Amino acid sequence: MFTSGTTTTMICPQCDDGQLTIMRSCGRVRMECGQCHRQFQIHEVAHRLDAQTEAILERWNSIIYD
């Protein structure tokens, strides 16, 4: 179960409309679109990270994805 997240300035690569929110739980991090609700693993959107999102992700010393 993911906790409520932090909204970023990144736009969803799936629907090209919604903003992505960082969802974190027990070291796992996902990005979820506020519009289409698709979830992305960090490695799926890493090439699109902007400075604001990187600053948020820097708060954690490790990010686990599966």
PDB file of N, CA and C in Angstrom:
ATOM      1  N   MET A   1       0.842  -1.183   0.000  1.00  0.00           N
ATOM      2  CA  MET A   1       0.000   0.000   0.000  1.00  0.00           C
ATOM      3  C   MET A   1       0.882   1.239   0.000  1.00  0.00           C
ATOM      4  N   PHE A   2       0.642   2.141  -0.913  1.00  0.00           N
ATOM      5  CA  PHE A   2       1.431   3.351  -1.022  1.00  0.00           C
ATOM      6  C   PHE A   2       0.796   4.466  -0.208  1.00  0.00           C
ATOM      7  N   THR A   3       1.641   5.304   0.330  1.00  0.00           N
ATOM      8  CA  THR A   3       1.171   6.455   1.090  1.00  0.00           C
ATOM      9  C   THR A   3       0.804   7.563   0.114  1.00  0.00           C
ATOM     10  N   SER A   4       0.108   8.588   0.605  1.00  0.00           N
ATOM     11  CA  SER A   4      -0.188   9.715  -0.264  1.00  0.00           C
ATOM     12  C   SER A   4       1.126  10.361  -0.674  1.00  0.00           C
ATOM     13  N   GLY A   5       1.130  10.957  -1.823  1.00  0.00           N
ATOM     14  CA  GLY A   5       2.397  11.382  -2.383  1.00  0.00           C
ATOM     15  C   GLY A   5       2.568  12.872  -2.533  1.00  0.00           C
ATOM     16  N   THR A   6       3.634  13.203  -3.224  1.00  0.00           N
ATOM     17  CA  THR A   6       3.997  14.575  -3.507  1.00  0.00           C
ATOM     18  C   THR A   6       3.846  14.818  -5.005  1.00  0.00           C
ATOM     19  N   THR A   7       3.027  15.786  -5.358  1.00  0.00           N
ATOM     20  CA  THR A   7       2.800  16.099  -6.768  1.00  0.00           C
ATOM     21  C   THR A   7       4.017  16.816  -7.340  1.00  0.00           C
ATOM     22  N   THR A   8       4.386  16.428  -8.536  1.00  0.00           N
ATOM     23  CA  THR A   8       5.534  17.023  -9.218  1.00  0.00           C
ATOM     24  C   THR A   8       5.059  17.896 -10.373  1.00  0.00           C
ATOM     25  N   THR A   9       6.010  18.461 -11.074  1.00  0.00           N
ATOM     26  CA  THR A   9       5.695  19.261 -12.265  1.00  0.00           C
ATOM     27  C   THR A   9       5.784  18.419 -13.528  1.00  0.00           C
ATOM     28  N   MET A  10       6.070  17.129 -13.374  1.00  0.00           N
ATOM     29  CA  MET A  10       6.189  16.236 -14.532  1.00  0.00           C
ATOM     30  C   MET A  10       4.814  15.857 -15.084  1.00  0.00           C
ATOM     31  N   ILE A  11       4.736  15.762 -16.398  1.00  0.00           N
ATOM     32  CA  ILE A  11       3.501  15.381 -17.077  1.00  0.00           C
ATOM     33  C   ILE A  11       3.567  13.896 -17.438  1.00  0.00           C
ATOM     34  N   CYS A  12       2.448  13.222 -17.336  1.00  0.00           N
ATOM     35  CA  CYS A  12       2.356  11.790 -17.600  1.00  0.00           C
ATOM     36  C   CYS A  12       2.742  11.462 -19.043  1.00  0.00           C
ATOM     37  N   PRO A  13       3.654  10.500 -19.229  1.00  0.00           N
ATOM     38  CA  PRO A  13       4.020  10.107 -20.588  1.00  0.00           C
ATOM     39  C   PRO A  13       2.951   9.253 -21.274  1.00  0.00           C
ATOM     40  N   GLN A  14       2.005   8.737 -20.508  1.00  0.00           N
ATOM     41  CA  GLN A  14       0.940   7.895 -21.077  1.00  0.00           C
ATOM     42  C   GLN A  14      -0.188   8.741 -21.664  1.00  0.00           C
ATOM     43  N   CYS A  15      -0.773   9.603 -20.831  1.00  0.00           N
ATOM     44  CA  CYS A  15      -1.929  10.384 -21.306  1.00  0.00           C
ATOM     45  C   CYS A  15      -1.539  11.792 -21.752  1.00  0.00           C
ATOM     46  N   ASP A  16      -0.312  12.212 -21.454  1.00  0.00           N
ATOM     47  CA  ASP A  16       0.205  13.526 -21.829  1.00  0.00           C
ATOM     48  C   ASP A  16      -0.623  14.671 -21.251  1.00  0.00           C
ATOM     49  N   ASP A  17      -1.281  14.423 -20.105  1.00  0.00           N
ATOM     50  CA  ASP A  17      -2.164  15.427 -19.531  1.00  0.00           C
ATOM     51  C   ASP A  17      -1.965  15.598 -18.027  1.00  0.00           C
ATOM     52  N   GLY A  18      -2.015  14.506 -17.281  1.00  0.00           N
ATOM     53  CA  GLY A  18      -1.970  14.584 -15.824  1.00  0.00           C
ATOM     54  C   GLY A  18      -0.573  14.796 -15.275  1.00  0.00           C
ATOM     55  N   GLN A  19      -0.524  15.380 -14.083  1.00  0.00           N
ATOM     56  CA  GLN A  19       0.749  15.544 -13.393  1.00  0.00           C
ATOM     57  C   GLN A  19       1.079  14.270 -12.629  1.00  0.00           C
ATOM     58  N   LEU A  20       2.371  13.948 -12.574  1.00  0.00           N
ATOM     59  CA  LEU A  20       2.810  12.768 -11.852  1.00  0.00           C
ATOM     60  C   LEU A  20       3.014  13.091 -10.376  1.00  0.00           C
ATOM     61  N   THR A  21       2.624  12.153  -9.547  1.00  0.00           N
ATOM     62  CA  THR A  21       2.801  12.253  -8.105  1.00  0.00           C
ATOM     63  C   THR A  21       3.740  11.147  -7.664  1.00  0.00           C
ATOM     64  N   ILE A  22       4.678  11.490  -6.779  1.00  0.00           N
ATOM     65  CA  ILE A  22       5.592  10.490  -6.229  1.00  0.00           C
ATOM     66  C   ILE A  22       4.868   9.779  -5.096  1.00  0.00           C
ATOM     67  N   MET A  23       4.746   8.466  -5.226  1.00  0.00           N
ATOM     68  CA  MET A  23       4.099   7.636  -4.217  1.00  0.00           C
ATOM     69  C   MET A  23       5.176   6.764  -3.579  1.00  0.00           C
ATOM     70  N   ARG A  24       5.308   6.802  -2.246  1.00  0.00           N
ATOM     71  CA  ARG A  24       6.389   6.086  -1.572  1.00  0.00           C
ATOM     72  C   ARG A  24       5.831   5.171  -0.491  1.00  0.00           C
ATOM     73  N   SER A  25       6.413   3.969  -0.390  1.00  0.00           N
ATOM     74  CA  SER A  25       6.037   3.023   0.658  1.00  0.00           C
ATOM     75  C   SER A  25       7.182   2.048   0.898  1.00  0.00           C
ATOM     76  N   CYS A  26       7.693   2.020   2.104  1.00  0.00           N
ATOM     77  CA  CYS A  26       8.730   1.056   2.504  1.00  0.00           C
ATOM     78  C   CYS A  26       9.894   0.991   1.518  1.00  0.00           C
ATOM     79  N   GLY A  27      10.396   2.116   1.097  1.00  0.00           N
ATOM     80  CA  GLY A  27      11.526   2.144   0.175  1.00  0.00           C
ATOM     81  C   GLY A  27      11.155   2.045  -1.283  1.00  0.00           C
ATOM     82  N   ARG A  28       9.946   1.636  -1.566  1.00  0.00           N
ATOM     83  CA  ARG A  28       9.484   1.575  -2.961  1.00  0.00           C
ATOM     84  C   ARG A  28       8.929   2.929  -3.364  1.00  0.00           C
ATOM     85  N   VAL A  29       9.220   3.295  -4.575  1.00  0.00           N
ATOM     86  CA  VAL A  29       8.731   4.575  -5.082  1.00  0.00           C
ATOM     87  C   VAL A  29       8.100   4.345  -6.447  1.00  0.00           C
ATOM     88  N   ARG A  30       6.954   4.920  -6.642  1.00  0.00           N
ATOM     89  CA  ARG A  30       6.273   4.884  -7.933  1.00  0.00           C
ATOM     90  C   ARG A  30       5.857   6.311  -8.269  1.00  0.00           C
ATOM     91  N   MET A  31       5.644   6.551  -9.537  1.00  0.00           N
ATOM     92  CA  MET A  31       5.080   7.815  -9.995  1.00  0.00           C
ATOM     93  C   MET A  31       3.686   7.486 -10.512  1.00  0.00           C
ATOM     94  N   GLU A  32       2.689   8.226 -10.054  1.00  0.00           N
ATOM     95  CA  GLU A  32       1.311   7.963 -10.474  1.00  0.00           C
ATOM     96  C   GLU A  32       0.717   9.203 -11.107  1.00  0.00           C
ATOM     97  N   CYS A  33       0.029   9.000 -12.215  1.00  0.00           N
ATOM     98  CA  CYS A  33      -0.640  10.092 -12.919  1.00  0.00           C
ATOM     99  C   CYS A  33      -1.936  10.460 -12.212  1.00  0.00           C
ATOM    100  N   GLY A  34      -2.140  11.741 -12.002  1.00  0.00           N
ATOM    101  CA  GLY A  34      -3.361  12.221 -11.371  1.00  0.00           C
ATOM    102  C   GLY A  34      -4.570  12.164 -12.293  1.00  0.00           C
ATOM    103  N   GLN A  35      -4.336  11.996 -13.590  1.00  0.00           N
ATOM    104  CA  GLN A  35      -5.425  11.958 -14.570  1.00  0.00           C
ATOM    105  C   GLN A  35      -5.827  10.529 -14.924  1.00  0.00           C
ATOM    106  N   CYS A  36      -4.896   9.748 -15.456  1.00  0.00           N
ATOM    107  CA  CYS A  36      -5.233   8.391 -15.914  1.00  0.00           C
ATOM    108  C   CYS A  36      -4.925   7.325 -14.854  1.00  0.00           C
ATOM    109  N   HIS A  37      -4.236   7.728 -13.773  1.00  0.00           N
ATOM    110  CA  HIS A  37      -3.914   6.863 -12.622  1.00  0.00           C
ATOM    111  C   HIS A  37      -2.952   5.727 -12.940  1.00  0.00           C
ATOM    112  N   ARG A  38      -2.290   5.784 -14.067  1.00  0.00           N
ATOM    113  CA  ARG A  38      -1.269   4.782 -14.371  1.00  0.00           C
ATOM    114  C   ARG A  38      -0.079   5.019 -13.455  1.00  0.00           C
ATOM    115  N   GLN A  39       0.516   3.932 -12.991  1.00  0.00           N
ATOM    116  CA  GLN A  39       1.709   4.028 -12.173  1.00  0.00           C
ATOM    117  C   GLN A  39       2.941   3.634 -12.986  1.00  0.00           C
ATOM    118  N   PHE A  40       4.031   4.324 -12.724  1.00  0.00           N
ATOM    119  CA  PHE A  40       5.301   4.084 -13.399  1.00  0.00           C
ATOM    120  C   PHE A  40       6.370   3.797 -12.362  1.00  0.00           C
ATOM    121  N   GLN A  41       7.251   2.856 -12.659  1.00  0.00           N
ATOM    122  CA  GLN A  41       8.431   2.657 -11.840  1.00  0.00           C
ATOM    123  C   GLN A  41       9.414   3.760 -12.198  1.00  0.00           C
ATOM    124  N   ILE A  42      10.279   4.091 -11.249  1.00  0.00           N
ATOM    125  CA  ILE A  42      11.207   5.200 -11.457  1.00  0.00           C
ATOM    126  C   ILE A  42      12.043   5.019 -12.727  1.00  0.00           C
ATOM    127  N   HIS A  43      12.517   3.814 -12.985  1.00  0.00           N
ATOM    128  CA  HIS A  43      13.360   3.627 -14.173  1.00  0.00           C
ATOM    129  C   HIS A  43      12.606   3.880 -15.474  1.00  0.00           C
ATOM    130  N   GLU A  44      11.263   3.819 -15.439  1.00  0.00           N
ATOM    131  CA  GLU A  44      10.474   4.068 -16.651  1.00  0.00           C
ATOM    132  C   GLU A  44      10.403   5.552 -17.000  1.00  0.00           C
ATOM    133  N   VAL A  45      10.587   6.419 -16.021  1.00  0.00           N
ATOM    134  CA  VAL A  45      10.490   7.859 -16.260  1.00  0.00           C
ATOM    135  C   VAL A  45      11.782   8.602 -15.910  1.00  0.00           C
ATOM    136  N   ALA A  46      12.846   7.863 -15.561  1.00  0.00           N
ATOM    137  CA  ALA A  46      14.099   8.482 -15.119  1.00  0.00           C
ATOM    138  C   ALA A  46      14.654   9.470 -16.150  1.00  0.00           C
ATOM    139  N   HIS A  47      14.536   9.158 -17.418  1.00  0.00           N
ATOM    140  CA  HIS A  47      15.057  10.039 -18.466  1.00  0.00           C
ATOM    141  C   HIS A  47      14.264  11.339 -18.599  1.00  0.00           C
ATOM    142  N   ARG A  48      13.092  11.406 -17.951  1.00  0.00           N
ATOM    143  CA  ARG A  48      12.234  12.590 -18.027  1.00  0.00           C
ATOM    144  C   ARG A  48      12.260  13.434 -16.751  1.00  0.00           C
ATOM    145  N   LEU A  49      13.020  13.014 -15.736  1.00  0.00           N
ATOM    146  CA  LEU A  49      13.021  13.720 -14.451  1.00  0.00           C
ATOM    147  C   LEU A  49      13.429  15.178 -14.636  1.00  0.00           C
ATOM    148  N   ASP A  50      12.681  16.070 -13.988  1.00  0.00           N
ATOM    149  CA  ASP A  50      13.044  17.483 -14.008  1.00  0.00           C
ATOM    150  C   ASP A  50      13.711  17.832 -12.672  1.00  0.00           C
ATOM    151  N   ALA A  51      14.221  19.040 -12.562  1.00  0.00           N
ATOM    152  CA  ALA A  51      14.981  19.451 -11.368  1.00  0.00           C
ATOM    153  C   ALA A  51      14.139  19.371 -10.092  1.00  0.00           C
ATOM    154  N   GLN A  52      12.874  19.755 -10.164  1.00  0.00           N
ATOM    155  CA  GLN A  52      12.010  19.735  -8.980  1.00  0.00           C
ATOM    156  C   GLN A  52      11.798  18.305  -8.499  1.00  0.00           C
ATOM    157  N   THR A  53      11.564  17.388  -9.414  1.00  0.00           N
ATOM    158  CA  THR A  53      11.333  15.989  -9.057  1.00  0.00           C
ATOM    159  C   THR A  53      12.609  15.360  -8.514  1.00  0.00           C
ATOM    160  N   GLU A  54      13.737  15.660  -9.119  1.00  0.00           N
ATOM    161  CA  GLU A  54      15.018  15.155  -8.618  1.00  0.00           C
ATOM    162  C   GLU A  54      15.261  15.623  -7.192  1.00  0.00           C
ATOM    163  N   ALA A  55      14.933  16.862  -6.893  1.00  0.00           N
ATOM    164  CA  ALA A  55      15.123  17.395  -5.536  1.00  0.00           C
ATOM    165  C   ALA A  55      14.269  16.638  -4.527  1.00  0.00           C
ATOM    166  N   ILE A  56      13.067  16.274  -4.901  1.00  0.00           N
ATOM    167  CA  ILE A  56      12.191  15.494  -4.012  1.00  0.00           C
ATOM    168  C   ILE A  56      12.781  14.102  -3.800  1.00  0.00           C
ATOM    169  N   LEU A  57      13.202  13.457  -4.874  1.00  0.00           N
ATOM    170  CA  LEU A  57      13.739  12.098  -4.784  1.00  0.00           C
ATOM    171  C   LEU A  57      15.060  12.038  -4.020  1.00  0.00           C
ATOM    172  N   GLU A  58      15.802  13.134  -3.981  1.00  0.00           N
ATOM    173  CA  GLU A  58      17.069  13.170  -3.255  1.00  0.00           C
ATOM    174  C   GLU A  58      16.887  13.029  -1.743  1.00  0.00           C
ATOM    175  N   ARG A  59      15.681  13.177  -1.256  1.00  0.00           N
ATOM    176  CA  ARG A  59      15.403  13.052   0.186  1.00  0.00           C
ATOM    177  C   ARG A  59      15.667  11.618   0.685  1.00  0.00           C
ATOM    178  N   TRP A  60      15.587  10.638  -0.204  1.00  0.00           N
ATOM    179  CA  TRP A  60      15.747   9.252   0.193  1.00  0.00           C
ATOM    180  C   TRP A  60      17.084   8.730  -0.314  1.00  0.00           C
ATOM    181  N   ASN A  61      17.784   7.984   0.542  1.00  0.00           N
ATOM    182  CA  ASN A  61      19.114   7.529   0.171  1.00  0.00           C
ATOM    183  C   ASN A  61      19.093   6.324  -0.765  1.00  0.00           C
ATOM    184  N   SER A  62      17.960   5.682  -0.930  1.00  0.00           N
ATOM    185  CA  SER A  62      17.858   4.595  -1.901  1.00  0.00           C
ATOM    186  C   SER A  62      16.426   4.481  -2.380  1.00  0.00           C
ATOM    187  N   ILE A  63      16.306   4.053  -3.615  1.00  0.00           N
ATOM    188  CA  ILE A  63      14.991   3.828  -4.210  1.00  0.00           C
ATOM    189  C   ILE A  63      14.981   2.407  -4.743  1.00  0.00           C
ATOM    190  N   ILE A  64      14.038   1.622  -4.277  1.00  0.00           N
ATOM    191  CA  ILE A  64      13.916   0.235  -4.708  1.00  0.00           C
ATOM    192  C   ILE A  64      12.760   0.137  -5.682  1.00  0.00           C
ATOM    193  N   TYR A  65      12.992  -0.513  -6.787  1.00  0.00           N
ATOM    194  CA  TYR A  65      11.896  -0.774  -7.709  1.00  0.00           C
ATOM    195  C   TYR A  65      11.953  -2.231  -8.114  1.00  0.00           C
ATOM    196  N   ASP A  66      10.800  -2.757  -8.504  1.00  0.00           N
ATOM    197  CA  ASP A  66      10.757  -4.159  -8.950  1.00  0.00           C
ATOM    198  C   ASP A  66      10.094  -4.250 -10.286  1.00  0.00           C
TER     199      ASP A  66
END
